[in-house]
Amino acid sequence: MEHHERGSSLLDLTGRTAIVTGGAMGIGKSIATRLASAGAAVVVADADGEAAALTAKELHDDGLQALAVTVDVSDETAVRRLGVAAVAWSGRIDVLVNNAGIFPTIPVMDMSPEQFRRVIDVNLEGVYLCSRMAAQQMIEQGDGGRIVNVTSIDALHPSSVGLAHYDASKHGAWGFTKNLALELAPHGIAVNAIAPGAIATPGVEHMQAVPGVDPEVMLRTFLARIPMGRMGVPDDIGKVALFLVSPMADYMTGAQVVVDGGVLLA
């Protein structure tokens, strides 16, 4: 008879070290909290160092292991320092969650090349830089690992005008996920993605309005498209991230899990 582990052990990350980019607030904070609660030592990596330190302190106060690191994921030197800090702190890297992302709302006709490039640099090049850094360490360790890229339903279908640069970055991140999964599978490193729908986060609340569009009307219109009838909460993504980095997802790679309340069905 095949041996089956107890359910609790399938979600146990004790002894593993995880880096969560954009981990200081919103979806990233929920992911960091879920992984730390499952026993992982979590590096809260964020461009906002003060916010990262606050999140790490909250985890510490709950008896969990956390380290705050300030990083711009589009800066290769900063990403290298992030990896060095993680290994110096815990000795290894087992999990990377590429969650850092920006989404300024700007129609293409009003968008400067610099604005376009900045979104690509953070949302797509940042995924490449962090994935390469973490994978190098995982390969050196020799016992596999997990990379999870937080994409968006915009990797599959546009949600609104003003996010063309964001949509391009997220389509790119999904393509990168699939190809990297092929490359790293022989090393025992699984690479998957999570595509959130509308999630109530501080970033979404402060999105710039598209000129001429009432943000309240836009929100009501979007809510009407969600079969489950509500916005998601950050922990809806945190729980799926925990699943993907745990033994529950041992035979998954190159997959994208859509977590959108059914909006892509509408």
Protein backbone atom coordinates (compact mmCIF):
# COMPACT_ATOMS: atom_id res chain seq x y z
CA MET A 1 0.00 0.00 0.00
CA GLU A 2 1.28 3.47 -0.87
CA HIS A 3 2.34 5.46 2.19
CA HIS A 4 0.52 8.78 2.69
CA GLU A 5 1.80 11.56 4.90
CA ARG A 6 -0.51 13.14 7.44
CA GLY A 7 -2.21 16.29 6.19
CA SER A 8 -0.42 18.58 8.63
CA SER A 9 3.03 17.43 7.50
CA LEU A 10 2.13 18.20 3.89
CA LEU A 11 1.97 21.89 4.76
CA ASP A 12 5.01 21.94 7.05
CA LEU A 13 7.82 24.22 5.83
CA THR A 14 10.05 23.81 8.90
CA GLY A 15 13.71 24.07 7.94
CA ARG A 16 13.04 25.89 4.69
CA THR A 17 13.95 29.48 3.87
CA ALA A 18 11.63 31.55 1.67
CA ILE A 19 12.14 34.94 0.04
CA VAL A 20 8.98 36.93 -0.68
CA THR A 21 9.49 40.05 -2.81
CA GLY A 22 7.03 42.86 -2.28
CA GLY A 23 6.52 41.13 1.04
CA ALA A 24 5.83 44.15 3.22
CA MET A 25 2.14 44.66 2.53
CA GLY A 26 -0.92 43.43 0.68
CA ILE A 27 -0.62 40.08 -1.10
CA GLY A 28 3.09 39.80 -0.30
CA LYS A 29 2.52 40.26 3.42
CA SER A 30 -0.16 37.57 3.43
CA ILE A 31 2.14 35.18 1.57
CA ALA A 32 5.01 35.91 3.97
CA THR A 33 2.70 35.35 6.94
CA ARG A 34 1.33 32.05 5.61
CA LEU A 35 4.80 30.67 4.86
CA ALA A 36 6.20 31.79 8.22
CA SER A 37 3.19 30.30 10.03
CA ALA A 38 3.95 26.99 8.29
CA GLY A 39 7.45 27.04 9.80
CA ALA A 40 9.55 28.71 7.09
CA ALA A 41 12.21 31.30 7.82
CA VAL A 42 10.93 34.17 5.68
CA VAL A 43 12.90 37.01 4.12
CA VAL A 44 10.53 39.95 3.71
CA ALA A 45 12.06 41.74 0.71
CA ASP A 46 10.59 45.09 -0.31
CA ALA A 47 11.55 48.43 -1.85
CA ASP A 48 9.99 50.04 1.22
CA GLY A 49 12.51 49.09 3.90
CA GLU A 50 10.52 50.59 6.78
CA ALA A 51 7.40 48.65 5.85
CA ALA A 52 9.45 45.46 5.44
CA ALA A 53 10.96 45.94 8.89
CA LEU A 54 7.50 46.47 10.39
CA THR A 55 6.15 43.27 8.80
CA ALA A 56 9.21 41.29 9.95
CA LYS A 57 8.71 42.64 13.48
CA GLU A 58 5.05 41.60 13.47
CA LEU A 59 6.08 38.08 12.46
CA HIS A 60 8.79 38.04 15.16
CA ASP A 61 6.25 39.17 17.74
CA ASP A 62 4.13 36.16 16.78
CA GLY A 63 7.09 33.87 17.40
CA LEU A 64 7.90 33.39 13.72
CA GLN A 65 11.22 33.67 11.85
CA ALA A 66 11.58 36.72 9.60
CA LEU A 67 14.26 39.01 8.20
CA ALA A 68 13.62 42.35 6.47
CA VAL A 69 15.72 43.28 3.42
CA THR A 70 15.35 46.46 1.37
CA VAL A 71 15.58 45.70 -2.35
CA ASP A 72 14.68 47.14 -5.75
CA VAL A 73 14.09 43.94 -7.72
CA SER A 74 15.00 45.67 -10.99
CA ASP A 75 18.54 46.33 -9.69
CA GLU A 76 20.86 43.35 -10.31
CA THR A 77 23.31 44.37 -7.59
CA ALA A 78 20.51 44.79 -5.04
CA VAL A 79 19.09 41.38 -5.94
CA ARG A 80 22.51 39.78 -5.52
CA ARG A 81 22.76 41.39 -2.06
CA LEU A 82 19.31 40.01 -1.22
CA GLY A 83 20.53 36.49 -1.93
CA VAL A 84 23.71 37.01 0.11
CA ALA A 85 21.66 38.35 3.04
CA ALA A 86 19.25 35.40 2.93
CA VAL A 87 22.06 32.81 2.89
CA ALA A 88 24.04 34.65 5.58
CA TRP A 89 20.94 34.63 7.79
CA SER A 90 19.68 31.08 7.34
CA GLY A 91 22.27 29.23 5.26
CA ARG A 92 20.04 28.46 2.27
CA ILE A 93 17.21 29.46 -0.10
CA ASP A 94 14.44 26.92 -0.73
CA VAL A 95 11.53 29.07 -1.89
CA LEU A 96 11.22 32.29 -3.89
CA VAL A 97 7.92 34.09 -4.36
CA ASN A 98 8.20 36.83 -6.98
CA ASN A 99 5.37 39.09 -5.86
CA ALA A 100 6.82 42.61 -6.26
CA GLY A 101 4.96 44.59 -8.88
CA ILE A 102 3.70 48.04 -9.81
CA PHE A 103 0.62 49.05 -11.78
CA PRO A 104 0.33 52.80 -12.45
CA THR A 105 -2.76 53.43 -14.55
CA ILE A 106 -1.76 55.26 -17.75
CA PRO A 107 -3.40 54.92 -21.19
CA VAL A 108 -0.86 54.08 -23.90
CA MET A 109 -1.47 57.36 -25.69
CA ASP A 110 -0.41 59.24 -22.55
CA MET A 111 2.42 56.87 -21.57
CA SER A 112 6.08 57.85 -21.87
CA PRO A 113 8.72 55.27 -22.84
CA GLU A 114 10.21 55.73 -19.37
CA GLN A 115 6.89 54.84 -17.70
CA PHE A 116 6.55 51.76 -19.89
CA ARG A 117 10.10 50.61 -19.16
CA ARG A 118 9.78 51.08 -15.40
CA VAL A 119 6.83 48.66 -15.21
CA ILE A 120 8.65 46.11 -17.37
CA ASP A 121 11.84 46.53 -15.30
CA VAL A 122 10.07 45.82 -11.99
CA ASN A 123 7.38 43.35 -13.03
CA LEU A 124 9.30 41.28 -15.58
CA GLU A 125 13.05 41.87 -15.32
CA GLY A 126 12.69 41.68 -11.53
CA VAL A 127 11.20 38.18 -11.90
CA TYR A 128 14.15 37.17 -14.08
CA LEU A 129 16.81 38.64 -11.77
CA CYS A 130 15.37 37.18 -8.58
CA SER A 131 14.64 33.79 -10.16
CA ARG A 132 18.17 33.50 -11.53
CA MET A 133 19.67 34.45 -8.16
CA ALA A 134 17.54 31.99 -6.20
CA ALA A 135 17.88 29.16 -8.72
CA GLN A 136 21.68 29.44 -8.66
CA GLN A 137 21.61 28.94 -4.89
CA MET A 138 19.08 26.09 -5.11
CA ILE A 139 21.16 24.28 -7.75
CA GLU A 140 24.26 24.67 -5.59
CA GLN A 141 22.38 23.19 -2.60
CA GLY A 142 21.39 20.23 -4.75
CA ASP A 143 18.02 19.39 -3.21
CA GLY A 144 15.53 21.27 -5.37
CA GLY A 145 13.32 24.23 -4.58
CA ARG A 146 10.20 26.18 -5.47
CA ILE A 147 9.70 29.41 -7.39
CA VAL A 148 6.26 31.02 -7.54
CA ASN A 149 5.57 34.03 -9.76
CA VAL A 150 2.56 36.17 -8.92
CA THR A 151 1.15 37.14 -12.30
CA SER A 152 -2.44 38.35 -12.77
CA ILE A 153 -5.60 37.48 -14.64
CA ASP A 154 -4.23 40.23 -16.90
CA ALA A 155 -1.70 37.61 -18.05
CA LEU A 156 -4.72 35.98 -19.73
CA HIS A 157 -7.23 38.77 -20.41
CA PRO A 158 -7.09 42.57 -20.00
CA SER A 159 -9.08 43.98 -17.08
CA SER A 160 -9.14 47.69 -17.90
CA VAL A 161 -7.76 50.47 -20.09
CA GLY A 162 -4.58 52.04 -18.69
CA LEU A 163 -2.77 48.81 -17.87
CA ALA A 164 -1.19 47.89 -21.23
CA HIS A 165 2.35 48.05 -19.81
CA TYR A 166 1.25 45.99 -16.79
CA ASP A 167 -0.51 43.45 -19.02
CA ALA A 168 2.60 43.14 -21.20
CA SER A 169 4.72 42.49 -18.10
CA LYS A 170 2.32 39.86 -16.76
CA HIS A 171 1.99 38.04 -20.10
CA GLY A 172 5.79 38.01 -20.10
CA ALA A 173 5.98 36.67 -16.55
CA TRP A 174 3.64 33.82 -17.46
CA GLY A 175 5.72 32.91 -20.52
CA PHE A 176 8.89 33.14 -18.43
CA THR A 177 7.34 30.84 -15.81
CA LYS A 178 6.67 28.09 -18.36
CA ASN A 179 10.10 28.23 -19.97
CA LEU A 180 11.98 28.42 -16.67
CA ALA A 181 9.97 25.43 -15.44
CA LEU A 182 11.38 23.43 -18.37
CA GLU A 183 14.93 24.57 -17.66
CA LEU A 184 14.91 23.94 -13.91
CA ALA A 185 12.91 20.70 -13.76
CA PRO A 186 16.06 18.53 -14.06
CA HIS A 187 17.32 20.23 -10.89
CA GLY A 188 14.17 19.41 -8.94
CA ILE A 189 13.08 23.06 -8.92
CA ALA A 190 9.37 23.61 -9.62
CA VAL A 191 8.29 26.92 -11.15
CA ASN A 192 4.61 27.87 -11.03
CA ALA A 193 2.46 31.00 -11.12
CA ILE A 194 -0.57 32.42 -9.34
CA ALA A 195 -2.90 34.70 -11.31
CA PRO A 196 -4.94 36.82 -8.86
CA GLY A 197 -8.09 38.58 -9.90
CA ALA A 198 -9.40 41.63 -8.07
CA ILE A 199 -7.80 41.59 -4.61
CA ALA A 200 -8.52 44.30 -2.01
CA THR A 201 -5.02 45.61 -1.23
CA PRO A 202 -3.62 49.06 -0.36
CA GLY A 203 -2.14 49.26 -3.87
CA VAL A 204 -5.49 48.63 -5.55
CA GLU A 205 -7.23 51.14 -3.28
CA HIS A 206 -4.77 53.84 -4.38
CA MET A 207 -4.83 53.07 -8.10
CA GLN A 208 -4.87 56.15 -10.27
CA ALA A 209 -8.19 56.73 -11.99
CA VAL A 210 -8.34 56.71 -15.78
CA PRO A 211 -9.24 60.25 -16.94
CA GLY A 212 -12.96 60.54 -17.57
CA VAL A 213 -13.83 57.31 -15.72
CA ASP A 214 -15.52 57.38 -12.30
CA PRO A 215 -13.52 54.95 -10.10
CA GLU A 216 -16.64 53.97 -8.10
CA VAL A 217 -18.51 53.14 -11.29
CA MET A 218 -15.50 51.17 -12.53
CA LEU A 219 -15.38 49.19 -9.27
CA ARG A 220 -19.12 48.43 -9.36
CA THR A 221 -18.83 47.32 -12.97
CA PHE A 222 -15.92 45.03 -12.15
CA LEU A 223 -17.67 43.56 -9.08
CA ALA A 224 -20.67 42.73 -11.25
CA ARG A 225 -18.39 40.54 -13.38
CA ILE A 226 -17.27 38.38 -10.42
CA PRO A 227 -19.49 35.28 -10.06
CA MET A 228 -18.53 34.88 -6.39
CA GLY A 229 -19.80 38.43 -5.80
CA ARG A 230 -16.86 39.82 -3.84
CA MET A 231 -13.33 41.13 -4.12
CA GLY A 232 -10.63 38.71 -3.04
CA VAL A 233 -8.58 39.30 0.10
CA PRO A 234 -4.78 38.96 0.25
CA ASP A 235 -4.97 35.70 2.20
CA ASP A 236 -6.86 34.11 -0.71
CA ILE A 237 -3.52 34.32 -2.51
CA GLY A 238 -1.42 33.53 0.56
CA LYS A 239 -3.12 30.16 0.97
CA VAL A 240 -2.54 29.20 -2.67
CA ALA A 241 1.13 30.23 -2.40
CA LEU A 242 1.49 27.96 0.63
CA PHE A 243 -0.02 25.10 -1.37
CA LEU A 244 2.35 25.64 -4.31
CA VAL A 245 5.52 25.68 -2.19
CA SER A 246 4.46 22.75 -0.02
CA PRO A 247 4.67 18.99 -0.68
CA MET A 248 1.00 19.22 -1.72
CA ALA A 249 2.21 20.46 -5.12
CA ASP A 250 5.12 18.05 -5.59
CA TYR A 251 4.12 17.08 -9.15
CA MET A 252 3.27 20.57 -10.43
CA THR A 253 5.51 22.76 -12.55
CA GLY A 254 4.84 25.23 -15.33
CA ALA A 255 1.28 25.73 -14.09
CA GLN A 256 -0.68 28.91 -13.44
CA VAL A 257 -3.37 28.81 -10.76
CA VAL A 258 -6.12 31.37 -11.39
CA VAL A 259 -7.58 32.82 -8.16
CA ASP A 260 -10.22 35.28 -9.32
CA GLY A 261 -13.63 34.39 -7.90
CA GLY A 262 -14.60 33.20 -11.39
CA VAL A 263 -14.20 36.53 -13.19
CA LEU A 264 -12.60 34.94 -16.27
CA LEU A 265 -15.74 32.83 -16.64
CA ALA A 266 -17.90 35.91 -17.07
